[in-house]
Amino acid sequence: MVKILIDSATDIELAEAQEKGFHLIPVQVRFGEEEYLDGINLTHSKFFEKLIESDELPQTSQINEFRFEEKFKELTQDGSEVVAVLLSSKLSGTYACAVAAAQKFGGKVHVVDSLNACIGERILAEYALILAKEGADAGAIVEKLDKAKGKIQLLALLDTLTYLRKGGRISAVTAFAGEMLSIKPVVSVIGGEVKLVGKAIGSKKGNNLLNRLVSECGGIDFDMPYALAYSGLSDAMLSKYLADSEHLWKGSTDSIPSYMIGSTIGTHVGPGAIAVAFFAK
């Protein structure tokens, strides 16, 4: 039997993980003196409530080697093999800690660097689960994930630059100028790192830019997992985007899975962001 382990940077909470058949190891999130386990005792909606109220950004910490070792021990004790699909090694030391822990399990644990985050990481994990349920062995799953992950496109339209400024990702001057002009940046995960791929003035032009970038990627492979996501307590921006992007989906799918972004990425993008992730054709 092959078990699929994910970290909470996939933005999959415990209840959903259990329902789908994933095993979850959470990132730790600290607001001042209060520490939480992402997706376990800190829901995504509770996270955004606290983020909006807080003057300081929360701190997220990588999952250390000891915690991985404990989890791998638990999952392999019945003889199962484990495939762990994890947050990009370019964004966190979590992957390196998992690799170090996996070496103690005699080839029973396989660690995959998603080179992605958020729903980009999620759809790779969902593909892993499909393969496991089809009966593929751990080696075959890893091989297929490593081939497929380069086709993942994750694009996100941000509503505010405030949280990138608070996190030191951009300067206060850039953030102020961007807010004054209503600039909506579009970011993507490229080679495992977050890159700015475009800017638009206002949300309507931002949605149009997002649609153009999706089309330029070669279109969506609807035979593979795909997803949309939003950050914050309202999905209004996502609903608006769905109306503006109907041509991308119409006739290809009856339903578009959408999710709330959690703390690992939500800390940096703040509320009001929308994201789309898919395997390019």
C-alpha atoms as a PDB file:
ATOM      1  CA  MET A   1       0.000   0.000   0.000  1.00  0.00           C
ATOM      2  CA  VAL A   2       1.184   3.537  -0.815  1.00  0.00           C
ATOM      3  CA  LYS A   3       0.188   6.457   1.417  1.00  0.00           C
ATOM      4  CA  ILE A   4       0.312  10.052   0.136  1.00  0.00           C
ATOM      5  CA  LEU A   5       1.611  12.570   2.672  1.00  0.00           C
ATOM      6  CA  ILE A   6       1.140  16.303   2.111  1.00  0.00           C
ATOM      7  CA  ASP A   7       2.126  19.407   4.051  1.00  0.00           C
ATOM      8  CA  SER A   8      -0.410  22.121   4.811  1.00  0.00           C
ATOM      9  CA  ALA A   9       1.169  24.459   2.237  1.00  0.00           C
ATOM     10  CA  THR A  10      -1.208  22.637  -0.166  1.00  0.00           C
ATOM     11  CA  ASP A  11      -3.942  24.583   1.690  1.00  0.00           C
ATOM     12  CA  ILE A  12      -5.724  21.302   2.418  1.00  0.00           C
ATOM     13  CA  GLU A  13      -7.201  21.281   5.928  1.00  0.00           C
ATOM     14  CA  LEU A  14      -7.373  18.143   8.076  1.00  0.00           C
ATOM     15  CA  ALA A  15     -11.054  17.330   7.443  1.00  0.00           C
ATOM     16  CA  GLU A  16     -10.606  17.465   3.656  1.00  0.00           C
ATOM     17  CA  ALA A  17      -7.355  15.477   3.840  1.00  0.00           C
ATOM     18  CA  GLN A  18      -9.087  12.700   5.786  1.00  0.00           C
ATOM     19  CA  GLU A  19     -12.079  12.704   3.444  1.00  0.00           C
ATOM     20  CA  LYS A  20      -9.908  12.372   0.330  1.00  0.00           C
ATOM     21  CA  GLY A  21      -7.388   9.908   1.759  1.00  0.00           C
ATOM     22  CA  PHE A  22      -4.344  12.165   2.229  1.00  0.00           C
ATOM     23  CA  HIS A  23      -2.125  12.130   5.319  1.00  0.00           C
ATOM     24  CA  LEU A  24      -1.349  15.662   6.520  1.00  0.00           C
ATOM     25  CA  ILE A  25       1.643  17.191   8.307  1.00  0.00           C
ATOM     26  CA  PRO A  26       0.966  20.834   9.243  1.00  0.00           C
ATOM     27  CA  VAL A  27       3.146  23.921   9.123  1.00  0.00           C
ATOM     28  CA  GLN A  28       3.360  25.772  12.465  1.00  0.00           C
ATOM     29  CA  VAL A  29       2.027  29.342  12.477  1.00  0.00           C
ATOM     30  CA  ARG A  30       2.777  31.860  15.222  1.00  0.00           C
ATOM     31  CA  PHE A  31       0.823  35.037  15.971  1.00  0.00           C
ATOM     32  CA  GLY A  32       2.876  36.725  18.688  1.00  0.00           C
ATOM     33  CA  GLU A  33       2.982  34.248  21.587  1.00  0.00           C
ATOM     34  CA  GLU A  34       0.211  32.033  20.174  1.00  0.00           C
ATOM     35  CA  GLU A  35       1.255  28.999  18.120  1.00  0.00           C
ATOM     36  CA  TYR A  36      -1.063  27.025  15.855  1.00  0.00           C
ATOM     37  CA  LEU A  37      -1.000  24.046  13.502  1.00  0.00           C
ATOM     38  CA  ASP A  38      -2.087  25.200  10.044  1.00  0.00           C
ATOM     39  CA  GLY A  39      -5.303  23.501   8.916  1.00  0.00           C
ATOM     40  CA  ILE A  40      -5.715  21.626  12.205  1.00  0.00           C
ATOM     41  CA  ASN A  41      -6.406  24.076  15.040  1.00  0.00           C
ATOM     42  CA  LEU A  42      -6.152  27.107  12.761  1.00  0.00           C
ATOM     43  CA  THR A  43      -8.728  27.062   9.969  1.00  0.00           C
ATOM     44  CA  HIS A  44      -8.168  29.199   6.897  1.00  0.00           C
ATOM     45  CA  SER A  45     -11.038  31.538   7.805  1.00  0.00           C
ATOM     46  CA  LYS A  46      -9.741  31.923  11.385  1.00  0.00           C
ATOM     47  CA  PHE A  47      -6.277  32.659   9.983  1.00  0.00           C
ATOM     48  CA  PHE A  48      -7.578  35.539   7.840  1.00  0.00           C
ATOM     49  CA  GLU A  49      -9.606  36.936  10.745  1.00  0.00           C
ATOM     50  CA  LYS A  50      -6.407  37.064  12.805  1.00  0.00           C
ATOM     51  CA  LEU A  51      -4.287  38.365   9.887  1.00  0.00           C
ATOM     52  CA  ILE A  52      -6.651  41.287   9.236  1.00  0.00           C
ATOM     53  CA  GLU A  53      -6.744  42.183  12.957  1.00  0.00           C
ATOM     54  CA  SER A  54      -2.974  41.892  13.503  1.00  0.00           C
ATOM     55  CA  ASP A  55      -0.435  44.711  13.035  1.00  0.00           C
ATOM     56  CA  GLU A  56       2.448  42.250  12.684  1.00  0.00           C
ATOM     57  CA  LEU A  57       2.710  39.452  10.142  1.00  0.00           C
ATOM     58  CA  PRO A  58       2.496  35.937  11.577  1.00  0.00           C
ATOM     59  CA  GLN A  59       5.569  33.701  11.420  1.00  0.00           C
ATOM     60  CA  THR A  60       5.442  30.332   9.676  1.00  0.00           C
ATOM     61  CA  SER A  61       8.153  27.780  10.430  1.00  0.00           C
ATOM     62  CA  GLN A  62       9.402  24.921   8.261  1.00  0.00           C
ATOM     63  CA  ILE A  63       8.553  21.362   9.300  1.00  0.00           C
ATOM     64  CA  ASN A  64      11.669  19.977  10.952  1.00  0.00           C
ATOM     65  CA  GLU A  65      13.387  16.602  10.529  1.00  0.00           C
ATOM     66  CA  PHE A  66      12.166  15.259  13.891  1.00  0.00           C
ATOM     67  CA  ARG A  67       8.500  15.886  13.029  1.00  0.00           C
ATOM     68  CA  PHE A  68       8.929  14.160   9.659  1.00  0.00           C
ATOM     69  CA  GLU A  69      10.662  11.203  11.296  1.00  0.00           C
ATOM     70  CA  GLU A  70       7.749  10.780  13.740  1.00  0.00           C
ATOM     71  CA  LYS A  71       5.210  10.988  10.895  1.00  0.00           C
ATOM     72  CA  PHE A  72       7.108   8.561   8.644  1.00  0.00           C
ATOM     73  CA  LYS A  73       7.368   6.085  11.546  1.00  0.00           C
ATOM     74  CA  GLU A  74       3.597   6.282  12.101  1.00  0.00           C
ATOM     75  CA  LEU A  75       2.757   5.805   8.407  1.00  0.00           C
ATOM     76  CA  THR A  76       5.191   2.956   7.653  1.00  0.00           C
ATOM     77  CA  GLN A  77       4.628   0.821  10.772  1.00  0.00           C
ATOM     78  CA  ASP A  78       1.994  -1.302   8.965  1.00  0.00           C
ATOM     79  CA  GLY A  79       4.428  -2.003   6.091  1.00  0.00           C
ATOM     80  CA  SER A  80       3.162   0.783   3.819  1.00  0.00           C
ATOM     81  CA  GLU A  81       5.343   2.931   1.605  1.00  0.00           C
ATOM     82  CA  VAL A  82       5.011   6.719   1.680  1.00  0.00           C
ATOM     83  CA  VAL A  83       5.172   9.329  -1.089  1.00  0.00           C
ATOM     84  CA  ALA A  84       5.465  12.823   0.421  1.00  0.00           C
ATOM     85  CA  VAL A  85       4.518  15.716  -1.880  1.00  0.00           C
ATOM     86  CA  LEU A  86       5.934  18.897  -0.378  1.00  0.00           C
ATOM     87  CA  LEU A  87       6.300  22.666  -0.708  1.00  0.00           C
ATOM     88  CA  SER A  88       8.958  23.877  -3.176  1.00  0.00           C
ATOM     89  CA  SER A  89      12.528  23.489  -1.907  1.00  0.00           C
ATOM     90  CA  LYS A  90      13.167  27.044  -3.213  1.00  0.00           C
ATOM     91  CA  LEU A  91      10.583  28.475  -0.811  1.00  0.00           C
ATOM     92  CA  SER A  92      11.259  26.500   2.386  1.00  0.00           C
ATOM     93  CA  GLY A  93      13.700  24.134   4.096  1.00  0.00           C
ATOM     94  CA  THR A  94      10.805  21.694   4.684  1.00  0.00           C
ATOM     95  CA  TYR A  95      11.744  19.497   1.699  1.00  0.00           C
ATOM     96  CA  ALA A  96      15.381  19.145   2.851  1.00  0.00           C
ATOM     97  CA  CYS A  97      14.227  18.141   6.357  1.00  0.00           C
ATOM     98  CA  ALA A  98      11.928  15.481   4.877  1.00  0.00           C
ATOM     99  CA  VAL A  99      14.726  14.071   2.695  1.00  0.00           C
ATOM    100  CA  ALA A 100      17.014  13.798   5.737  1.00  0.00           C
ATOM    101  CA  ALA A 101      14.308  12.007   7.746  1.00  0.00           C
ATOM    102  CA  ALA A 102      13.394   9.673   4.849  1.00  0.00           C
ATOM    103  CA  GLN A 103      16.946   8.286   4.720  1.00  0.00           C
ATOM    104  CA  LYS A 104      16.254   6.439   7.990  1.00  0.00           C
ATOM    105  CA  PHE A 105      13.451   4.333   6.487  1.00  0.00           C
ATOM    106  CA  GLY A 106      15.286   2.007   4.090  1.00  0.00           C
ATOM    107  CA  GLY A 107      13.677   3.164   0.859  1.00  0.00           C
ATOM    108  CA  LYS A 108      10.101   3.011   2.187  1.00  0.00           C
ATOM    109  CA  VAL A 109       9.698   6.805   2.096  1.00  0.00           C
ATOM    110  CA  HIS A 110       9.922   8.826  -1.136  1.00  0.00           C
ATOM    111  CA  VAL A 111      10.004  12.639  -1.060  1.00  0.00           C
ATOM    112  CA  VAL A 112       8.843  14.738  -4.032  1.00  0.00           C
ATOM    113  CA  ASP A 113       9.780  18.398  -4.401  1.00  0.00           C
ATOM    114  CA  SER A 114       6.604  19.858  -5.928  1.00  0.00           C
ATOM    115  CA  LEU A 115       8.526  22.987  -6.998  1.00  0.00           C
ATOM    116  CA  ASN A 116       5.227  24.659  -6.203  1.00  0.00           C
ATOM    117  CA  ALA A 117       2.930  25.889  -3.443  1.00  0.00           C
ATOM    118  CA  CYS A 118      -0.738  26.481  -2.662  1.00  0.00           C
ATOM    119  CA  ILE A 119      -3.072  24.995  -5.313  1.00  0.00           C
ATOM    120  CA  GLY A 120      -0.096  24.276  -7.619  1.00  0.00           C
ATOM    121  CA  GLU A 121       1.177  21.868  -4.971  1.00  0.00           C
ATOM    122  CA  ARG A 122      -2.387  20.668  -4.321  1.00  0.00           C
ATOM    123  CA  ILE A 123      -3.048  19.496  -7.888  1.00  0.00           C
ATOM    124  CA  LEU A 124       0.240  17.542  -7.954  1.00  0.00           C
ATOM    125  CA  ALA A 125      -0.769  15.853  -4.680  1.00  0.00           C
ATOM    126  CA  GLU A 126      -4.213  15.083  -6.143  1.00  0.00           C
ATOM    127  CA  TYR A 127      -2.520  13.450  -9.150  1.00  0.00           C
ATOM    128  CA  ALA A 128      -0.383  11.372  -6.744  1.00  0.00           C
ATOM    129  CA  LEU A 129      -3.535  10.205  -4.949  1.00  0.00           C
ATOM    130  CA  ILE A 130      -5.174   9.206  -8.262  1.00  0.00           C
ATOM    131  CA  LEU A 131      -2.093   7.135  -9.165  1.00  0.00           C
ATOM    132  CA  ALA A 132      -2.014   5.484  -5.708  1.00  0.00           C
ATOM    133  CA  LYS A 133      -5.709   4.576  -5.938  1.00  0.00           C
ATOM    134  CA  GLU A 134      -5.072   3.075  -9.395  1.00  0.00           C
ATOM    135  CA  GLY A 135      -2.535   0.755  -7.736  1.00  0.00           C
ATOM    136  CA  ALA A 136       0.738   2.299  -8.958  1.00  0.00           C
ATOM    137  CA  ASP A 137       3.747   1.519  -6.757  1.00  0.00           C
ATOM    138  CA  ALA A 138       5.705   4.270  -5.006  1.00  0.00           C
ATOM    139  CA  GLY A 139       8.524   4.333  -7.561  1.00  0.00           C
ATOM    140  CA  ALA A 140       6.111   4.708 -10.484  1.00  0.00           C
ATOM    141  CA  ILE A 141       4.194   7.461  -8.692  1.00  0.00           C
ATOM    142  CA  VAL A 142       7.389   9.449  -8.043  1.00  0.00           C
ATOM    143  CA  GLU A 143       8.518   9.036 -11.652  1.00  0.00           C
ATOM    144  CA  LYS A 144       5.156  10.272 -13.013  1.00  0.00           C
ATOM    145  CA  LEU A 145       5.032  13.205 -10.590  1.00  0.00           C
ATOM    146  CA  ASP A 146       8.541  14.311 -11.533  1.00  0.00           C
ATOM    147  CA  LYS A 147       7.561  14.238 -15.233  1.00  0.00           C
ATOM    148  CA  ALA A 148       4.237  16.019 -14.722  1.00  0.00           C
ATOM    149  CA  LYS A 149       5.215  18.762 -12.273  1.00  0.00           C
ATOM    150  CA  GLY A 150       6.978  20.814 -14.949  1.00  0.00           C
ATOM    151  CA  LYS A 151       3.610  21.238 -16.714  1.00  0.00           C
ATOM    152  CA  ILE A 152       1.937  22.850 -13.692  1.00  0.00           C
ATOM    153  CA  GLN A 153       0.981  26.497 -14.138  1.00  0.00           C
ATOM    154  CA  LEU A 154       0.072  28.521 -11.050  1.00  0.00           C
ATOM    155  CA  LEU A 155      -0.990  32.121 -11.661  1.00  0.00           C
ATOM    156  CA  ALA A 156      -2.287  34.499  -9.009  1.00  0.00           C
ATOM    157  CA  LEU A 157      -3.733  38.017  -9.149  1.00  0.00           C
ATOM    158  CA  LEU A 158      -3.110  39.986  -5.954  1.00  0.00           C
ATOM    159  CA  ASP A 159      -5.513  42.634  -4.668  1.00  0.00           C
ATOM    160  CA  THR A 160      -3.057  44.397  -2.354  1.00  0.00           C
ATOM    161  CA  LEU A 161       0.694  44.929  -2.048  1.00  0.00           C
ATOM    162  CA  THR A 162       0.478  45.631   1.708  1.00  0.00           C
ATOM    163  CA  TYR A 163       1.432  42.131   2.856  1.00  0.00           C
ATOM    164  CA  LEU A 164       4.358  41.802   0.435  1.00  0.00           C
ATOM    165  CA  ARG A 165       5.610  45.117   1.904  1.00  0.00           C
ATOM    166  CA  LYS A 166       5.077  43.943   5.501  1.00  0.00           C
ATOM    167  CA  GLY A 167       7.020  40.774   4.722  1.00  0.00           C
ATOM    168  CA  GLY A 168       9.903  42.746   3.206  1.00  0.00           C
ATOM    169  CA  ARG A 169       9.295  41.302  -0.286  1.00  0.00           C
ATOM    170  CA  ILE A 170       8.868  44.776  -1.827  1.00  0.00           C
ATOM    171  CA  SER A 171       9.735  48.301  -0.658  1.00  0.00           C
ATOM    172  CA  ALA A 172       7.276  50.645   1.080  1.00  0.00           C
ATOM    173  CA  VAL A 173       7.623  53.108  -1.820  1.00  0.00           C
ATOM    174  CA  THR A 174       6.735  50.448  -4.424  1.00  0.00           C
ATOM    175  CA  ALA A 175       3.768  49.302  -2.338  1.00  0.00           C
ATOM    176  CA  PHE A 176       2.490  52.863  -1.828  1.00  0.00           C
ATOM    177  CA  ALA A 177       2.790  53.705  -5.531  1.00  0.00           C
ATOM    178  CA  GLY A 178       1.071  50.443  -6.457  1.00  0.00           C
ATOM    179  CA  GLU A 179      -1.844  51.063  -4.072  1.00  0.00           C
ATOM    180  CA  MET A 180      -2.268  54.653  -5.309  1.00  0.00           C
ATOM    181  CA  LEU A 181      -2.508  53.466  -8.929  1.00  0.00           C
ATOM    182  CA  SER A 182      -4.652  50.384  -8.079  1.00  0.00           C
ATOM    183  CA  ILE A 183      -1.937  48.169  -9.594  1.00  0.00           C
ATOM    184  CA  LYS A 184      -2.823  44.466  -9.451  1.00  0.00           C
ATOM    185  CA  PRO A 185       0.302  42.326  -9.823  1.00  0.00           C
ATOM    186  CA  VAL A 186       0.124  38.830 -11.332  1.00  0.00           C
ATOM    187  CA  VAL A 187       2.602  36.339  -9.914  1.00  0.00           C
ATOM    188  CA  SER A 188       3.519  32.812 -10.953  1.00  0.00           C
ATOM    189  CA  VAL A 189       5.643  29.982  -9.585  1.00  0.00           C
ATOM    190  CA  ILE A 190       8.491  29.462 -12.053  1.00  0.00           C
ATOM    191  CA  GLY A 191      11.265  26.953 -11.359  1.00  0.00           C
ATOM    192  CA  GLY A 192      10.007  26.660  -7.792  1.00  0.00           C
ATOM    193  CA  GLU A 193      10.180  30.403  -7.064  1.00  0.00           C
ATOM    194  CA  VAL A 194       7.547  33.140  -7.001  1.00  0.00           C
ATOM    195  CA  LYS A 195       8.027  35.615  -9.882  1.00  0.00           C
ATOM    196  CA  LEU A 196       6.160  38.719 -11.000  1.00  0.00           C
ATOM    197  CA  VAL A 197       4.817  38.030 -14.521  1.00  0.00           C
ATOM    198  CA  GLY A 198       2.583  41.041 -15.128  1.00  0.00           C
ATOM    199  CA  LYS A 199       0.800  44.111 -13.752  1.00  0.00           C
ATOM    200  CA  ALA A 200      -2.614  45.576 -14.509  1.00  0.00           C
ATOM    201  CA  ILE A 201      -4.486  48.645 -13.328  1.00  0.00           C
ATOM    202  CA  GLY A 202      -7.759  47.634 -11.688  1.00  0.00           C
ATOM    203  CA  SER A 203      -9.346  44.234 -11.147  1.00  0.00           C
ATOM    204  CA  LYS A 204     -11.105  44.012 -14.554  1.00  0.00           C
ATOM    205  CA  LYS A 205      -7.813  44.472 -16.445  1.00  0.00           C
ATOM    206  CA  GLY A 206      -6.174  42.149 -13.916  1.00  0.00           C
ATOM    207  CA  ASN A 207      -8.697  39.404 -14.716  1.00  0.00           C
ATOM    208  CA  ASN A 208      -8.140  39.933 -18.443  1.00  0.00           C
ATOM    209  CA  LEU A 209      -4.366  39.698 -17.977  1.00  0.00           C
ATOM    210  CA  LEU A 210      -4.803  36.477 -15.976  1.00  0.00           C
ATOM    211  CA  ASN A 211      -6.934  34.998 -18.764  1.00  0.00           C
ATOM    212  CA  ARG A 212      -4.362  35.960 -21.403  1.00  0.00           C
ATOM    213  CA  LEU A 213      -1.554  34.343 -19.400  1.00  0.00           C
ATOM    214  CA  VAL A 214      -3.610  31.137 -18.960  1.00  0.00           C
ATOM    215  CA  SER A 215      -4.160  30.976 -22.732  1.00  0.00           C
ATOM    216  CA  GLU A 216      -0.469  31.642 -23.433  1.00  0.00           C
ATOM    217  CA  CYS A 217       0.469  28.619 -21.301  1.00  0.00           C
ATOM    218  CA  GLY A 218      -1.066  26.376 -23.967  1.00  0.00           C
ATOM    219  CA  GLY A 219      -4.471  25.850 -22.414  1.00  0.00           C
ATOM    220  CA  ILE A 220      -5.753  23.667 -19.596  1.00  0.00           C
ATOM    221  CA  ASP A 221      -5.472  19.859 -19.598  1.00  0.00           C
ATOM    222  CA  PHE A 222      -8.931  18.992 -18.260  1.00  0.00           C
ATOM    223  CA  ASP A 223      -7.974  15.302 -17.925  1.00  0.00           C
ATOM    224  CA  MET A 224      -5.681  16.263 -15.022  1.00  0.00           C
ATOM    225  CA  PRO A 225      -6.503  17.978 -11.693  1.00  0.00           C
ATOM    226  CA  TYR A 226      -7.083  21.739 -11.773  1.00  0.00           C
ATOM    227  CA  ALA A 227      -8.282  24.283  -9.218  1.00  0.00           C
ATOM    228  CA  LEU A 228      -9.081  27.889  -8.406  1.00  0.00           C
ATOM    229  CA  ALA A 229      -8.492  29.583  -5.060  1.00  0.00           C
ATOM    230  CA  TYR A 230      -9.148  32.834  -3.239  1.00  0.00           C
ATOM    231  CA  SER A 231      -7.695  34.457  -0.139  1.00  0.00           C
ATOM    232  CA  GLY A 232      -9.606  36.243   2.617  1.00  0.00           C
ATOM    233  CA  LEU A 233     -13.097  35.866   4.017  1.00  0.00           C
ATOM    234  CA  SER A 234     -14.999  36.635   0.796  1.00  0.00           C
ATOM    235  CA  ASP A 235     -14.962  34.805  -2.532  1.00  0.00           C
ATOM    236  CA  ALA A 236     -16.450  37.835  -4.366  1.00  0.00           C
ATOM    237  CA  MET A 237     -13.265  38.445  -6.388  1.00  0.00           C
ATOM    238  CA  LEU A 238     -13.225  34.788  -7.435  1.00  0.00           C
ATOM    239  CA  SER A 239     -16.872  34.933  -8.546  1.00  0.00           C
ATOM    240  CA  LYS A 240     -16.055  38.016 -10.625  1.00  0.00           C
ATOM    241  CA  TYR A 241     -13.065  36.237 -12.181  1.00  0.00           C
ATOM    242  CA  LEU A 242     -15.188  33.169 -13.019  1.00  0.00           C
ATOM    243  CA  ALA A 243     -17.647  35.405 -14.869  1.00  0.00           C
ATOM    244  CA  ASP A 244     -14.757  37.069 -16.771  1.00  0.00           C
ATOM    245  CA  SER A 245     -13.104  33.737 -17.657  1.00  0.00           C
ATOM    246  CA  GLU A 246     -16.125  31.657 -18.660  1.00  0.00           C
ATOM    247  CA  HIS A 247     -14.671  31.042 -22.144  1.00  0.00           C
ATOM    248  CA  LEU A 248     -11.723  29.147 -20.621  1.00  0.00           C
ATOM    249  CA  TRP A 249     -13.958  26.551 -18.958  1.00  0.00           C
ATOM    250  CA  LYS A 250     -17.245  26.435 -20.909  1.00  0.00           C
ATOM    251  CA  GLY A 251     -17.807  23.135 -22.688  1.00  0.00           C
ATOM    252  CA  SER A 252     -14.782  21.504 -21.006  1.00  0.00           C
ATOM    253  CA  THR A 253     -16.018  20.997 -17.453  1.00  0.00           C
ATOM    254  CA  ASP A 254     -19.248  21.126 -15.448  1.00  0.00           C
ATOM    255  CA  SER A 255     -17.590  22.127 -12.198  1.00  0.00           C
ATOM    256  CA  ILE A 256     -14.526  24.126 -11.223  1.00  0.00           C
ATOM    257  CA  PRO A 257     -13.145  23.170  -7.795  1.00  0.00           C
ATOM    258  CA  SER A 258     -12.299  26.252  -5.735  1.00  0.00           C
ATOM    259  CA  TYR A 259     -10.681  26.563  -2.317  1.00  0.00           C
ATOM    260  CA  MET A 260      -9.660  29.107   0.281  1.00  0.00           C
ATOM    261  CA  ILE A 261      -5.920  29.865   0.472  1.00  0.00           C
ATOM    262  CA  GLY A 262      -4.358  29.112   3.875  1.00  0.00           C
ATOM    263  CA  SER A 263      -1.649  30.612   6.034  1.00  0.00           C
ATOM    264  CA  THR A 264       1.575  29.564   4.254  1.00  0.00           C
ATOM    265  CA  ILE A 265       0.843  31.679   1.167  1.00  0.00           C
ATOM    266  CA  GLY A 266      -1.916  33.841   2.667  1.00  0.00           C
ATOM    267  CA  THR A 267       0.616  35.498   4.973  1.00  0.00           C
ATOM    268  CA  HIS A 268       2.374  37.004   1.941  1.00  0.00           C
ATOM    269  CA  VAL A 269      -0.523  37.774  -0.424  1.00  0.00           C
ATOM    270  CA  GLY A 270      -3.123  38.957   2.098  1.00  0.00           C
ATOM    271  CA  PRO A 271      -6.876  38.929   1.403  1.00  0.00           C
ATOM    272  CA  GLY A 272      -8.480  39.495  -2.020  1.00  0.00           C
ATOM    273  CA  ALA A 273      -6.103  37.365  -4.124  1.00  0.00           C
ATOM    274  CA  ILE A 274      -7.326  34.845  -6.672  1.00  0.00           C
ATOM    275  CA  ALA A 275      -5.308  31.980  -8.157  1.00  0.00           C
ATOM    276  CA  VAL A 276      -5.644  29.357 -10.873  1.00  0.00           C
ATOM    277  CA  ALA A 277      -3.588  26.165 -11.157  1.00  0.00           C
ATOM    278  CA  PHE A 278      -3.614  23.546 -13.900  1.00  0.00           C
ATOM    279  CA  PHE A 279      -1.461  21.190 -15.955  1.00  0.00           C
ATOM    280  CA  ALA A 280      -0.767  22.828 -19.320  1.00  0.00           C
ATOM    281  CA  LYS A 281      -1.623  20.810 -22.418  1.00  0.00           C
END
